[in-house]
Amino acid sequence: MLAPGTEIRVKLDWPETRGPCHIRTPHYLRGRTGTVERHLGDFPYPEDLAFARPAARLPLYHVRFDQPSVWGQGHTGDALVVELFEPWLETIAP
């Protein structure tokens, strides 16, 4: 489980180019860095549930992103908080 404050990068992956899929991770966040705000619990992975596959219960997090770096507008301190499952997150070495 990732601790609050952990710096992460959303995987820069495009599984939809490899075949049918159901992605719950926004395109605009792929490759972006953020910070884990909190662990929300463990839930069945929707990318498997969408195809009636057995779904492991995986950690889901609130991840905070600096809004100006995502949208190219806003003010310092403006943030975007998104729910992301752990398989899409890569930790950034300090």
N, C-alpha and C. Protein backbone atom coordinates (compact mmCIF):
# COMPACT_ATOMS: atom_id res chain seq x y z
N MET A 1 0.85 -1.17 0.00
CA MET A 1 0.00 0.00 0.00
C MET A 1 0.90 1.24 0.00
N LEU A 2 0.49 2.25 -0.77
CA LEU A 2 1.24 3.50 -0.85
C LEU A 2 0.83 4.44 0.27
N ALA A 3 1.80 5.06 0.88
CA ALA A 3 1.54 5.98 1.99
C ALA A 3 1.18 7.36 1.47
N PRO A 4 0.36 8.11 2.23
CA PRO A 4 0.10 9.50 1.86
C PRO A 4 1.43 10.24 1.72
N GLY A 5 1.50 11.09 0.70
CA GLY A 5 2.72 11.84 0.43
C GLY A 5 3.65 11.18 -0.57
N THR A 6 3.36 9.93 -0.94
CA THR A 6 4.19 9.23 -1.91
C THR A 6 4.05 9.90 -3.27
N GLU A 7 5.19 10.23 -3.87
CA GLU A 7 5.20 10.81 -5.22
C GLU A 7 5.05 9.68 -6.23
N ILE A 8 4.14 9.86 -7.18
CA ILE A 8 3.88 8.82 -8.17
C ILE A 8 3.88 9.41 -9.58
N ARG A 9 3.97 8.52 -10.54
CA ARG A 9 3.74 8.85 -11.95
C ARG A 9 2.66 7.90 -12.44
N VAL A 10 1.69 8.42 -13.17
CA VAL A 10 0.68 7.57 -13.78
C VAL A 10 1.35 6.92 -14.98
N LYS A 11 1.20 5.60 -15.10
CA LYS A 11 1.85 4.88 -16.20
C LYS A 11 1.48 5.49 -17.54
N LEU A 12 2.46 5.61 -18.38
CA LEU A 12 2.25 6.10 -19.74
C LEU A 12 2.02 4.87 -20.61
N ASP A 13 0.80 4.36 -20.54
CA ASP A 13 0.44 3.12 -21.22
C ASP A 13 -0.87 3.35 -21.98
N TRP A 14 -1.05 2.65 -23.08
CA TRP A 14 -2.23 2.79 -23.92
C TRP A 14 -2.76 1.41 -24.27
N PRO A 15 -3.33 0.67 -23.29
CA PRO A 15 -3.80 -0.69 -23.55
C PRO A 15 -4.88 -0.74 -24.62
N GLU A 16 -5.60 0.36 -24.83
CA GLU A 16 -6.66 0.35 -25.84
C GLU A 16 -6.10 0.15 -27.25
N THR A 17 -4.78 0.35 -27.42
CA THR A 17 -4.17 0.10 -28.73
C THR A 17 -3.88 -1.38 -28.94
N ARG A 18 -4.01 -2.19 -27.88
CA ARG A 18 -3.70 -3.61 -27.96
C ARG A 18 -4.95 -4.49 -28.06
N GLY A 19 -6.11 -3.89 -28.00
CA GLY A 19 -7.33 -4.69 -28.09
C GLY A 19 -8.41 -4.13 -27.20
N PRO A 20 -9.54 -4.84 -27.14
CA PRO A 20 -10.66 -4.35 -26.33
C PRO A 20 -10.25 -4.19 -24.86
N CYS A 21 -10.65 -3.09 -24.27
CA CYS A 21 -10.33 -2.85 -22.86
C CYS A 21 -11.33 -1.85 -22.30
N HIS A 22 -11.29 -1.74 -21.00
CA HIS A 22 -12.12 -0.79 -20.27
C HIS A 22 -11.18 -0.07 -19.30
N ILE A 23 -10.83 1.16 -19.61
CA ILE A 23 -9.84 1.89 -18.82
C ILE A 23 -10.54 2.93 -17.95
N ARG A 24 -10.21 2.92 -16.66
CA ARG A 24 -10.78 3.89 -15.73
C ARG A 24 -9.79 5.00 -15.40
N THR A 25 -8.65 5.04 -16.11
CA THR A 25 -7.64 6.05 -15.86
C THR A 25 -7.71 7.10 -16.97
N PRO A 26 -7.92 8.36 -16.62
CA PRO A 26 -8.06 9.39 -17.65
C PRO A 26 -6.82 9.52 -18.54
N HIS A 27 -7.06 9.67 -19.83
CA HIS A 27 -5.96 9.84 -20.78
C HIS A 27 -5.07 11.01 -20.41
N TYR A 28 -5.68 12.11 -19.98
CA TYR A 28 -4.92 13.33 -19.74
C TYR A 28 -3.97 13.23 -18.55
N LEU A 29 -4.06 12.15 -17.77
CA LEU A 29 -3.15 11.99 -16.63
C LEU A 29 -2.02 11.01 -16.90
N ARG A 30 -2.07 10.29 -17.99
CA ARG A 30 -1.02 9.30 -18.27
C ARG A 30 0.31 10.00 -18.47
N GLY A 31 1.31 9.53 -17.72
CA GLY A 31 2.64 10.12 -17.76
C GLY A 31 2.83 11.29 -16.81
N ARG A 32 1.77 11.73 -16.16
CA ARG A 32 1.84 12.88 -15.23
C ARG A 32 2.28 12.43 -13.84
N THR A 33 2.87 13.35 -13.10
CA THR A 33 3.27 13.06 -11.72
C THR A 33 2.28 13.70 -10.75
N GLY A 34 2.12 13.03 -9.62
CA GLY A 34 1.22 13.51 -8.58
C GLY A 34 1.65 12.98 -7.23
N THR A 35 0.80 13.20 -6.24
CA THR A 35 1.09 12.80 -4.87
C THR A 35 -0.11 12.05 -4.30
N VAL A 36 0.15 10.91 -3.68
CA VAL A 36 -0.92 10.16 -3.02
C VAL A 36 -1.44 10.97 -1.85
N GLU A 37 -2.76 11.20 -1.84
CA GLU A 37 -3.39 11.92 -0.72
C GLU A 37 -3.83 10.93 0.36
N ARG A 38 -4.51 9.83 -0.10
CA ARG A 38 -4.94 8.83 0.88
C ARG A 38 -5.39 7.56 0.18
N HIS A 39 -5.33 6.48 0.92
CA HIS A 39 -5.82 5.17 0.47
C HIS A 39 -7.32 5.14 0.76
N LEU A 40 -8.13 4.82 -0.24
CA LEU A 40 -9.58 4.83 -0.07
C LEU A 40 -10.14 3.46 0.30
N GLY A 41 -9.32 2.43 0.19
CA GLY A 41 -9.76 1.06 0.44
C GLY A 41 -9.35 0.18 -0.72
N ASP A 42 -9.68 -1.10 -0.61
CA ASP A 42 -9.40 -2.06 -1.68
C ASP A 42 -10.72 -2.47 -2.31
N PHE A 43 -10.77 -2.43 -3.65
CA PHE A 43 -12.01 -2.69 -4.38
C PHE A 43 -11.74 -3.59 -5.57
N PRO A 44 -12.76 -4.34 -6.03
CA PRO A 44 -12.57 -5.15 -7.23
C PRO A 44 -12.16 -4.26 -8.41
N TYR A 45 -11.18 -4.71 -9.16
CA TYR A 45 -10.59 -3.93 -10.25
C TYR A 45 -11.58 -3.83 -11.41
N PRO A 46 -12.08 -2.63 -11.72
CA PRO A 46 -13.11 -2.48 -12.75
C PRO A 46 -12.66 -2.84 -14.15
N GLU A 47 -11.36 -2.80 -14.42
CA GLU A 47 -10.88 -3.15 -15.74
C GLU A 47 -11.06 -4.65 -16.01
N ASP A 48 -11.16 -5.46 -14.96
CA ASP A 48 -11.50 -6.87 -15.11
C ASP A 48 -13.01 -7.09 -15.03
N LEU A 49 -13.67 -6.40 -14.13
CA LEU A 49 -15.12 -6.56 -13.98
C LEU A 49 -15.87 -6.25 -15.28
N ALA A 50 -15.37 -5.31 -16.06
CA ALA A 50 -16.04 -4.91 -17.29
C ALA A 50 -16.16 -6.07 -18.28
N PHE A 51 -15.27 -7.05 -18.18
CA PHE A 51 -15.28 -8.19 -19.09
C PHE A 51 -15.66 -9.49 -18.37
N ALA A 52 -16.27 -9.36 -17.20
CA ALA A 52 -16.72 -10.50 -16.40
C ALA A 52 -15.58 -11.45 -16.06
N ARG A 53 -14.38 -10.89 -15.91
CA ARG A 53 -13.23 -11.68 -15.48
C ARG A 53 -13.15 -11.61 -13.96
N PRO A 54 -12.56 -12.63 -13.32
CA PRO A 54 -12.34 -12.52 -11.87
C PRO A 54 -11.52 -11.26 -11.58
N ALA A 55 -11.97 -10.51 -10.60
CA ALA A 55 -11.31 -9.23 -10.30
C ALA A 55 -10.73 -9.24 -8.89
N ALA A 56 -9.42 -9.08 -8.83
CA ALA A 56 -8.76 -8.95 -7.54
C ALA A 56 -9.17 -7.63 -6.89
N ARG A 57 -9.15 -7.62 -5.57
CA ARG A 57 -9.40 -6.37 -4.83
C ARG A 57 -8.07 -5.64 -4.75
N LEU A 58 -8.03 -4.44 -5.33
CA LEU A 58 -6.80 -3.67 -5.41
C LEU A 58 -6.96 -2.31 -4.74
N PRO A 59 -5.85 -1.75 -4.26
CA PRO A 59 -5.90 -0.45 -3.59
C PRO A 59 -6.32 0.66 -4.55
N LEU A 60 -7.19 1.53 -4.04
CA LEU A 60 -7.65 2.71 -4.76
C LEU A 60 -7.22 3.92 -3.94
N TYR A 61 -6.70 4.94 -4.63
CA TYR A 61 -6.15 6.11 -3.95
C TYR A 61 -6.75 7.41 -4.48
N HIS A 62 -6.77 8.42 -3.63
CA HIS A 62 -6.93 9.80 -4.08
C HIS A 62 -5.52 10.27 -4.40
N VAL A 63 -5.33 10.73 -5.63
CA VAL A 63 -4.02 11.25 -6.05
C VAL A 63 -4.21 12.72 -6.44
N ARG A 64 -3.35 13.55 -5.93
CA ARG A 64 -3.41 15.00 -6.16
C ARG A 64 -2.41 15.40 -7.24
N PHE A 65 -2.90 16.19 -8.20
CA PHE A 65 -2.07 16.71 -9.28
C PHE A 65 -2.13 18.23 -9.24
N ASP A 66 -1.01 18.86 -9.59
CA ASP A 66 -0.96 20.31 -9.71
C ASP A 66 -1.77 20.70 -10.94
N GLN A 67 -2.84 21.47 -10.74
CA GLN A 67 -3.74 21.80 -11.86
C GLN A 67 -3.04 22.53 -13.01
N PRO A 68 -2.22 23.55 -12.75
CA PRO A 68 -1.59 24.24 -13.88
C PRO A 68 -0.74 23.30 -14.75
N SER A 69 -0.10 22.29 -14.16
CA SER A 69 0.73 21.39 -14.97
C SER A 69 -0.13 20.44 -15.81
N VAL A 70 -1.35 20.19 -15.39
CA VAL A 70 -2.24 19.30 -16.15
C VAL A 70 -2.98 20.07 -17.24
N TRP A 71 -3.57 21.20 -16.88
CA TRP A 71 -4.43 21.94 -17.80
C TRP A 71 -3.78 23.14 -18.47
N GLY A 72 -2.59 23.53 -17.97
CA GLY A 72 -1.94 24.70 -18.54
C GLY A 72 -2.58 26.00 -18.13
N GLN A 73 -3.40 25.95 -17.10
CA GLN A 73 -4.02 27.17 -16.57
C GLN A 73 -4.32 26.96 -15.09
N GLY A 74 -4.62 28.04 -14.41
CA GLY A 74 -4.87 27.98 -12.98
C GLY A 74 -3.76 28.67 -12.24
N HIS A 75 -3.83 28.60 -10.93
CA HIS A 75 -2.88 29.31 -10.07
C HIS A 75 -2.10 28.30 -9.23
N THR A 76 -0.95 28.70 -8.78
CA THR A 76 -0.15 27.87 -7.89
C THR A 76 -1.01 27.47 -6.70
N GLY A 77 -1.03 26.20 -6.39
CA GLY A 77 -1.84 25.70 -5.28
C GLY A 77 -3.17 25.11 -5.73
N ASP A 78 -3.61 25.42 -6.96
CA ASP A 78 -4.82 24.78 -7.49
C ASP A 78 -4.52 23.32 -7.74
N ALA A 79 -5.46 22.45 -7.41
CA ALA A 79 -5.20 21.02 -7.51
C ALA A 79 -6.36 20.28 -8.17
N LEU A 80 -6.03 19.14 -8.69
CA LEU A 80 -6.98 18.19 -9.25
C LEU A 80 -6.78 16.90 -8.46
N VAL A 81 -7.84 16.35 -7.87
CA VAL A 81 -7.74 15.11 -7.11
C VAL A 81 -8.56 14.04 -7.84
N VAL A 82 -7.91 12.91 -8.13
CA VAL A 82 -8.52 11.85 -8.94
C VAL A 82 -8.36 10.52 -8.22
N GLU A 83 -9.36 9.66 -8.37
CA GLU A 83 -9.29 8.30 -7.82
C GLU A 83 -8.61 7.40 -8.85
N LEU A 84 -7.49 6.76 -8.43
CA LEU A 84 -6.74 5.89 -9.32
C LEU A 84 -6.39 4.59 -8.62
N PHE A 85 -6.49 3.49 -9.36
CA PHE A 85 -6.10 2.19 -8.83
C PHE A 85 -4.59 2.02 -8.92
N GLU A 86 -4.04 1.26 -7.97
CA GLU A 86 -2.59 1.10 -7.84
C GLU A 86 -1.89 0.56 -9.10
N PRO A 87 -2.49 -0.35 -9.90
CA PRO A 87 -1.75 -0.84 -11.07
C PRO A 87 -1.37 0.26 -12.06
N TRP A 88 -2.01 1.40 -12.00
CA TRP A 88 -1.68 2.49 -12.90
C TRP A 88 -0.62 3.42 -12.32
N LEU A 89 -0.15 3.18 -11.12
CA LEU A 89 0.77 4.11 -10.45
C LEU A 89 2.17 3.52 -10.35
N GLU A 90 3.15 4.36 -10.64
CA GLU A 90 4.55 4.00 -10.46
C GLU A 90 5.14 4.98 -9.46
N THR A 91 5.84 4.45 -8.46
CA THR A 91 6.46 5.36 -7.48
C THR A 91 7.68 6.02 -8.10
N ILE A 92 7.94 7.22 -7.66
CA ILE A 92 9.10 7.99 -8.11
C ILE A 92 10.14 7.92 -7.01
N ALA A 93 11.34 7.48 -7.39
CA ALA A 93 12.41 7.36 -6.39
C ALA A 93 12.80 8.75 -5.89
N PRO A 94 12.99 8.87 -4.55
CA PRO A 94 13.37 10.18 -3.99
C PRO A 94 14.77 10.60 -4.43
